[in-house]
N, C-alpha and C. Protein backbone atom coordinates (compact mmCIF):
# COMPACT_ATOMS: atom_id res chain seq x y z
N UNK A 1 208.28 134.40 234.17
CA UNK A 1 207.03 133.84 233.66
C UNK A 1 206.07 134.95 233.21
N UNK A 2 206.12 136.08 233.92
CA UNK A 2 205.18 137.15 233.58
C UNK A 2 205.33 137.64 232.15
N UNK A 3 206.57 137.89 231.68
CA UNK A 3 206.69 138.35 230.29
C UNK A 3 206.10 137.37 229.28
N UNK A 4 206.25 136.08 229.55
CA UNK A 4 205.69 135.08 228.63
C UNK A 4 204.16 135.12 228.65
N UNK A 5 203.57 135.25 229.84
CA UNK A 5 202.11 135.34 229.94
C UNK A 5 201.60 136.60 229.25
N UNK A 6 202.31 137.71 229.44
CA UNK A 6 201.89 138.96 228.80
C UNK A 6 202.01 138.87 227.28
N UNK A 7 203.08 138.21 226.81
CA UNK A 7 203.27 138.03 225.37
C UNK A 7 202.17 137.14 224.79
N UNK A 8 201.85 136.08 225.50
CA UNK A 8 200.78 135.18 225.07
C UNK A 8 199.45 135.92 225.00
N UNK A 9 199.15 136.70 226.02
CA UNK A 9 197.90 137.45 226.04
C UNK A 9 197.84 138.46 224.89
N UNK A 10 198.92 139.17 224.66
CA UNK A 10 198.95 140.15 223.56
C UNK A 10 198.72 139.46 222.22
N UNK A 11 199.36 138.31 222.03
CA UNK A 11 199.20 137.57 220.77
C UNK A 11 197.76 137.08 220.61
N UNK A 12 197.17 136.59 221.68
CA UNK A 12 195.77 136.13 221.61
C UNK A 12 194.83 137.28 221.29
N UNK A 13 195.03 138.41 221.96
CA UNK A 13 194.17 139.56 221.69
C UNK A 13 194.27 139.98 220.22
N UNK A 14 195.50 139.99 219.71
CA UNK A 14 195.73 140.44 218.34
C UNK A 14 195.17 139.47 217.30
N UNK A 15 195.37 138.19 217.52
CA UNK A 15 194.99 137.22 216.49
C UNK A 15 193.57 136.67 216.68
N UNK A 16 193.11 136.56 217.91
CA UNK A 16 191.82 135.92 218.17
C UNK A 16 190.74 136.90 218.60
N UNK A 17 191.14 138.04 219.14
CA UNK A 17 190.17 139.01 219.66
C UNK A 17 190.02 138.89 221.16
N UNK A 18 189.39 139.90 221.73
CA UNK A 18 189.27 140.00 223.19
C UNK A 18 188.31 138.99 223.81
N UNK A 19 187.37 138.45 223.05
CA UNK A 19 186.34 137.58 223.62
C UNK A 19 186.50 136.11 223.26
N UNK A 20 187.55 135.76 222.56
CA UNK A 20 187.80 134.37 222.21
C UNK A 20 188.12 133.58 223.50
N UNK A 21 187.63 132.35 223.61
CA UNK A 21 187.90 131.57 224.82
C UNK A 21 189.39 131.42 225.16
N UNK A 22 190.24 131.29 224.16
CA UNK A 22 191.68 131.19 224.44
C UNK A 22 192.24 132.50 224.99
N UNK A 23 191.73 133.61 224.51
CA UNK A 23 192.15 134.91 225.04
C UNK A 23 191.71 135.04 226.49
N UNK A 24 190.49 134.62 226.77
CA UNK A 24 189.98 134.70 228.15
C UNK A 24 190.78 133.79 229.08
N UNK A 25 191.21 132.65 228.58
CA UNK A 25 192.07 131.78 229.38
C UNK A 25 193.41 132.45 229.64
N UNK A 26 193.96 133.13 228.64
CA UNK A 26 195.23 133.85 228.82
C UNK A 26 195.09 134.98 229.83
N UNK A 27 193.97 135.69 229.79
CA UNK A 27 193.71 136.75 230.77
C UNK A 27 193.69 136.15 232.17
N UNK A 28 192.94 135.05 232.30
CA UNK A 28 192.83 134.38 233.60
C UNK A 28 194.20 133.89 234.08
N UNK A 29 194.98 133.32 233.16
CA UNK A 29 196.30 132.80 233.54
C UNK A 29 197.23 133.90 234.04
N UNK A 30 197.22 135.04 233.38
CA UNK A 30 198.04 136.16 233.84
C UNK A 30 197.56 136.62 235.22
N UNK A 31 196.26 136.66 235.41
CA UNK A 31 195.72 137.00 236.72
C UNK A 31 196.18 136.02 237.79
N UNK A 32 196.16 134.74 237.47
CA UNK A 32 196.60 133.72 238.43
C UNK A 32 198.07 133.89 238.78
N UNK A 33 198.88 134.19 237.77
CA UNK A 33 200.31 134.40 238.02
C UNK A 33 200.52 135.59 238.95
N UNK A 34 199.85 136.69 238.65
CA UNK A 34 200.00 137.89 239.48
C UNK A 34 199.51 137.63 240.91
N UNK A 35 198.42 136.91 241.04
CA UNK A 35 197.91 136.57 242.37
C UNK A 35 198.95 135.73 243.12
N UNK A 36 199.53 134.74 242.45
CA UNK A 36 200.54 133.90 243.08
C UNK A 36 201.77 134.70 243.50
N UNK A 37 202.04 135.79 242.78
CA UNK A 37 203.17 136.66 243.12
C UNK A 37 202.81 137.67 244.20
N UNK A 38 201.57 137.62 244.67
CA UNK A 38 201.12 138.55 245.70
C UNK A 38 200.70 139.91 245.15
N UNK A 39 200.57 140.02 243.84
CA UNK A 39 200.18 141.28 243.20
C UNK A 39 198.66 141.30 242.99
N UNK A 40 197.94 141.28 244.11
CA UNK A 40 196.49 141.15 244.06
C UNK A 40 195.82 142.33 243.37
N UNK A 41 196.34 143.52 243.59
CA UNK A 41 195.73 144.70 242.96
C UNK A 41 195.89 144.68 241.44
N UNK A 42 196.95 144.06 240.95
CA UNK A 42 197.15 143.94 239.51
C UNK A 42 196.33 142.77 238.93
N UNK A 43 196.14 141.74 239.73
CA UNK A 43 195.39 140.57 239.27
C UNK A 43 193.89 140.85 239.18
N UNK A 44 193.40 141.67 240.07
CA UNK A 44 191.95 141.87 240.15
C UNK A 44 191.31 142.33 238.83
N UNK A 45 191.83 143.37 238.16
CA UNK A 45 191.17 143.79 236.92
C UNK A 45 191.19 142.70 235.84
N UNK A 46 192.21 141.85 235.86
CA UNK A 46 192.26 140.75 234.90
C UNK A 46 191.18 139.72 235.20
N UNK A 47 191.04 139.37 236.47
CA UNK A 47 189.98 138.44 236.86
C UNK A 47 188.60 139.03 236.54
N UNK A 48 188.44 140.32 236.79
CA UNK A 48 187.15 140.96 236.51
C UNK A 48 186.87 140.98 235.01
N UNK A 49 187.90 141.24 234.21
CA UNK A 49 187.72 141.24 232.75
C UNK A 49 187.35 139.85 232.25
N UNK A 50 188.07 138.83 232.72
CA UNK A 50 187.79 137.47 232.29
C UNK A 50 186.38 137.06 232.69
N UNK A 51 185.98 137.41 233.90
CA UNK A 51 184.64 137.04 234.36
C UNK A 51 183.56 137.73 233.54
N UNK A 52 183.70 139.03 233.34
CA UNK A 52 182.68 139.77 232.57
C UNK A 52 182.56 139.21 231.15
N UNK A 53 183.68 138.94 230.52
CA UNK A 53 183.66 138.44 229.14
C UNK A 53 183.11 137.02 229.09
N UNK A 54 183.44 136.20 230.08
CA UNK A 54 182.90 134.83 230.09
C UNK A 54 181.41 134.83 230.34
N UNK A 55 180.94 135.69 231.22
CA UNK A 55 179.49 135.80 231.43
C UNK A 55 178.80 136.18 230.11
N UNK A 56 179.40 137.13 229.42
CA UNK A 56 178.83 137.64 228.17
C UNK A 56 178.84 136.59 227.06
N UNK A 57 179.94 135.88 226.92
CA UNK A 57 180.09 134.97 225.78
C UNK A 57 179.67 133.54 226.08
N UNK A 58 179.85 133.09 227.31
CA UNK A 58 179.59 131.69 227.65
C UNK A 58 178.36 131.49 228.52
N UNK A 59 177.94 132.55 229.21
CA UNK A 59 176.81 132.43 230.12
C UNK A 59 177.26 132.22 231.55
N UNK A 60 176.32 132.43 232.47
CA UNK A 60 176.63 132.38 233.90
C UNK A 60 176.95 130.98 234.42
N UNK A 61 176.48 129.95 233.76
CA UNK A 61 176.61 128.60 234.31
C UNK A 61 177.68 127.75 233.61
N UNK A 62 178.37 128.32 232.67
CA UNK A 62 179.44 127.57 231.98
C UNK A 62 180.57 127.29 232.97
N UNK A 63 181.18 126.11 232.90
CA UNK A 63 182.26 125.80 233.84
C UNK A 63 183.39 126.83 233.87
N UNK A 64 183.76 127.39 232.72
CA UNK A 64 184.82 128.41 232.71
C UNK A 64 184.38 129.68 233.42
N UNK A 65 183.10 130.02 233.30
CA UNK A 65 182.58 131.19 234.01
C UNK A 65 182.61 130.94 235.51
N UNK A 66 182.22 129.74 235.92
CA UNK A 66 182.25 129.40 237.34
C UNK A 66 183.67 129.44 237.89
N UNK A 67 184.64 129.03 237.09
CA UNK A 67 186.05 129.12 237.51
C UNK A 67 186.42 130.59 237.72
N UNK A 68 186.01 131.45 236.80
CA UNK A 68 186.33 132.88 236.94
C UNK A 68 185.65 133.49 238.16
N UNK A 69 184.41 133.08 238.42
CA UNK A 69 183.71 133.58 239.61
C UNK A 69 184.48 133.16 240.86
N UNK A 70 184.87 131.90 240.91
CA UNK A 70 185.60 131.39 242.07
C UNK A 70 186.95 132.07 242.22
N UNK A 71 187.67 132.26 241.11
CA UNK A 71 188.98 132.92 241.17
C UNK A 71 188.86 134.33 241.74
N UNK A 72 187.85 135.07 241.28
CA UNK A 72 187.68 136.42 241.79
C UNK A 72 187.31 136.38 243.27
N UNK A 73 186.48 135.42 243.66
CA UNK A 73 186.14 135.28 245.07
C UNK A 73 187.36 135.01 245.93
N UNK A 74 188.23 134.13 245.47
CA UNK A 74 189.45 133.82 246.22
C UNK A 74 190.35 135.05 246.34
N UNK A 75 190.46 135.81 245.26
CA UNK A 75 191.28 137.01 245.28
C UNK A 75 190.72 138.02 246.28
N UNK A 76 189.41 138.23 246.22
CA UNK A 76 188.78 139.18 247.14
C UNK A 76 188.95 138.73 248.59
N UNK A 77 188.83 137.43 248.81
CA UNK A 77 189.06 136.90 250.16
C UNK A 77 190.49 137.19 250.60
N UNK A 78 191.44 137.00 249.68
CA UNK A 78 192.84 137.29 249.98
C UNK A 78 193.10 138.75 250.29
N UNK A 79 192.25 139.61 249.75
CA UNK A 79 192.36 141.05 250.03
C UNK A 79 191.58 141.45 251.28
N UNK A 80 190.95 140.46 251.92
CA UNK A 80 190.17 140.74 253.12
C UNK A 80 188.80 141.32 252.83
N UNK A 81 188.34 141.21 251.60
CA UNK A 81 187.05 141.78 251.19
C UNK A 81 185.99 140.67 251.17
N UNK A 82 185.71 140.15 252.36
CA UNK A 82 184.82 139.00 252.48
C UNK A 82 183.39 139.33 252.05
N UNK A 83 182.95 140.56 252.29
CA UNK A 83 181.59 140.93 251.89
C UNK A 83 181.42 140.91 250.37
N UNK A 84 182.50 141.16 249.63
CA UNK A 84 182.44 141.09 248.17
C UNK A 84 182.64 139.65 247.68
N UNK A 85 183.42 138.87 248.41
CA UNK A 85 183.69 137.48 248.01
C UNK A 85 182.49 136.58 248.24
N UNK A 86 181.76 136.79 249.31
CA UNK A 86 180.66 135.90 249.70
C UNK A 86 179.64 135.67 248.59
N UNK A 87 179.10 136.73 247.95
CA UNK A 87 178.10 136.48 246.90
C UNK A 87 178.64 135.67 245.73
N UNK A 88 179.93 135.81 245.46
CA UNK A 88 180.54 135.03 244.38
C UNK A 88 180.58 133.56 244.75
N UNK A 89 180.99 133.27 245.99
CA UNK A 89 181.01 131.88 246.45
C UNK A 89 179.59 131.30 246.45
N UNK A 90 178.64 132.11 246.88
CA UNK A 90 177.25 131.63 246.92
C UNK A 90 176.76 131.33 245.51
N UNK A 91 177.13 132.16 244.55
CA UNK A 91 176.71 131.94 243.16
C UNK A 91 177.26 130.62 242.62
N UNK A 92 178.52 130.35 242.88
CA UNK A 92 179.08 129.09 242.39
C UNK A 92 178.47 127.89 243.10
N UNK A 93 178.16 128.03 244.37
CA UNK A 93 177.53 126.93 245.11
C UNK A 93 176.16 126.61 244.57
N UNK A 94 175.38 127.65 244.28
CA UNK A 94 174.04 127.45 243.73
C UNK A 94 174.12 126.78 242.37
N UNK A 95 174.99 127.27 241.50
CA UNK A 95 175.12 126.69 240.16
C UNK A 95 175.58 125.25 240.22
N UNK A 96 176.54 124.96 241.06
CA UNK A 96 177.05 123.58 241.16
C UNK A 96 176.00 122.66 241.76
N UNK A 97 175.21 123.19 242.70
CA UNK A 97 174.13 122.39 243.28
C UNK A 97 173.07 122.05 242.25
N UNK A 98 172.74 122.98 241.39
CA UNK A 98 171.76 122.74 240.33
C UNK A 98 172.29 121.73 239.33
N UNK A 99 173.58 121.80 239.01
CA UNK A 99 174.16 120.83 238.09
C UNK A 99 174.11 119.43 238.67
N UNK A 100 174.37 119.29 239.98
CA UNK A 100 174.33 117.98 240.62
C UNK A 100 172.92 117.41 240.58
N UNK A 101 171.91 118.26 240.79
CA UNK A 101 170.52 117.79 240.74
C UNK A 101 170.16 117.32 239.32
N UNK A 102 170.64 118.04 238.32
CA UNK A 102 170.36 117.66 236.93
C UNK A 102 171.02 116.31 236.62
N UNK A 103 172.26 116.13 237.08
CA UNK A 103 172.97 114.87 236.83
C UNK A 103 172.27 113.71 237.52
N UNK A 104 171.77 113.92 238.73
CA UNK A 104 171.08 112.87 239.46
C UNK A 104 169.76 112.50 238.79
N UNK A 105 169.09 113.48 238.20
CA UNK A 105 167.81 113.24 237.55
C UNK A 105 167.99 112.51 236.22
N UNK A 106 169.17 112.69 235.60
CA UNK A 106 169.41 112.12 234.26
C UNK A 106 169.78 110.73 234.29
């Protein structure tokens, strides 16, 4: 599966660019695959890249950005880096809480 994910990511980068939403999804998907394979150290830079680019292009509160924040938090937790994971979890909780309040008001 990894070669296919890497091929997909390379094609997205080449045809769509590094900041296109489909490219960011491919980056995230490769990170998820590596995490599932227990390759946390290889997955981390991909999660960090996807998160930074999503923050830049989509904003901090976009659902895809929140997914990237959560994914990085889970990875850090898996690496035993709870002090780094905690602020990420807190950020997603705050954003999701604000969205729920907006939905209730509407």
